[in-house]
Amino acid sequence: MPICYKDMTFCNAPCANKGCPRNYTEEVHEAAKRWWSHDPDNAPVALSDLSQGCPEYVMPKNWN
């Protein structure tokens, strides 16, 4: 079974909802690197665009 940070999939869609726990922020990125301290540049993080159908998705202003 593969292992990834927090055993969850983070959303990498551009989204203005900064309160969403699945939003892949710089803070999440840095925390994953600390967690995978033996090889921080290769921390395993599951990412996907989860915006389609997400009730929490907020399109960023000025997004084309």
Protein backbone atom coordinates (compact mmCIF):
# COMPACT_ATOMS: atom_id res chain seq x y z
CA MET A 1 0.00 0.00 0.00
CA PRO A 2 1.47 3.38 -1.00
CA ILE A 3 2.05 5.97 1.66
CA CYS A 4 1.40 9.68 1.28
CA TYR A 5 1.30 12.73 3.52
CA LYS A 6 -1.66 12.55 5.94
CA ASP A 7 -3.05 9.56 3.98
CA MET A 8 -5.29 11.88 1.98
CA THR A 9 -5.58 13.49 -1.43
CA PHE A 10 -5.07 17.24 -1.56
CA CYS A 11 -6.70 19.43 -4.18
CA ASN A 12 -4.36 21.27 -6.52
CA ALA A 13 -7.08 23.23 -8.33
CA PRO A 14 -6.82 27.00 -8.13
CA CYS A 15 -9.31 27.80 -5.36
CA ALA A 16 -9.95 30.86 -3.22
CA ASN A 17 -11.27 28.80 -0.30
CA LYS A 18 -8.24 28.95 1.98
CA GLY A 19 -10.17 27.28 4.80
CA CYS A 20 -10.58 24.00 2.93
CA PRO A 21 -8.51 21.23 4.55
CA ARG A 22 -7.83 19.69 1.12
CA ASN A 23 -6.38 22.88 -0.39
CA TYR A 24 -2.73 22.24 -1.26
CA THR A 25 -1.10 25.35 0.16
CA GLU A 26 2.53 26.31 0.67
CA GLU A 27 2.04 25.50 4.36
CA VAL A 28 0.92 21.96 3.51
CA HIS A 29 3.86 21.60 1.13
CA GLU A 30 6.34 22.66 3.83
CA ALA A 31 4.72 20.38 6.42
CA ALA A 32 4.99 17.42 4.05
CA LYS A 33 8.69 18.16 3.53
CA ARG A 34 9.26 18.24 7.31
CA TRP A 35 7.34 14.96 7.69
CA TRP A 36 9.47 13.29 4.98
CA SER A 37 12.65 14.71 6.49
CA HIS A 38 15.02 12.07 5.11
CA ASP A 39 14.23 13.22 1.53
CA PRO A 40 12.16 16.42 1.77
CA ASP A 41 12.29 17.29 -1.93
CA ASN A 42 10.48 14.04 -2.74
CA ALA A 43 7.79 13.99 -0.06
CA PRO A 44 4.92 11.81 -1.27
CA VAL A 45 1.77 13.92 -1.53
CA ALA A 46 -1.38 12.76 -3.33
CA LEU A 47 -2.73 15.57 -5.51
CA SER A 48 -5.78 15.84 -7.74
CA ASP A 49 -8.09 18.51 -9.11
CA LEU A 50 -11.12 17.98 -6.87
CA SER A 51 -12.93 21.18 -7.90
CA GLN A 52 -15.50 19.49 -10.14
CA GLY A 53 -18.62 19.02 -8.05
CA CYS A 54 -16.98 20.32 -4.86
CA PRO A 55 -19.48 22.35 -2.81
CA GLU A 56 -16.59 24.20 -1.12
CA TYR A 57 -14.88 25.29 -4.36
CA VAL A 58 -14.51 29.06 -4.82
CA MET A 59 -13.18 30.28 -8.15
CA PRO A 60 -10.36 32.82 -7.65
CA LYS A 61 -10.97 36.37 -8.83
CA ASN A 62 -9.42 37.17 -12.20
CA TRP A 63 -9.29 33.45 -13.09
CA ASN A 64 -9.84 32.78 -16.78
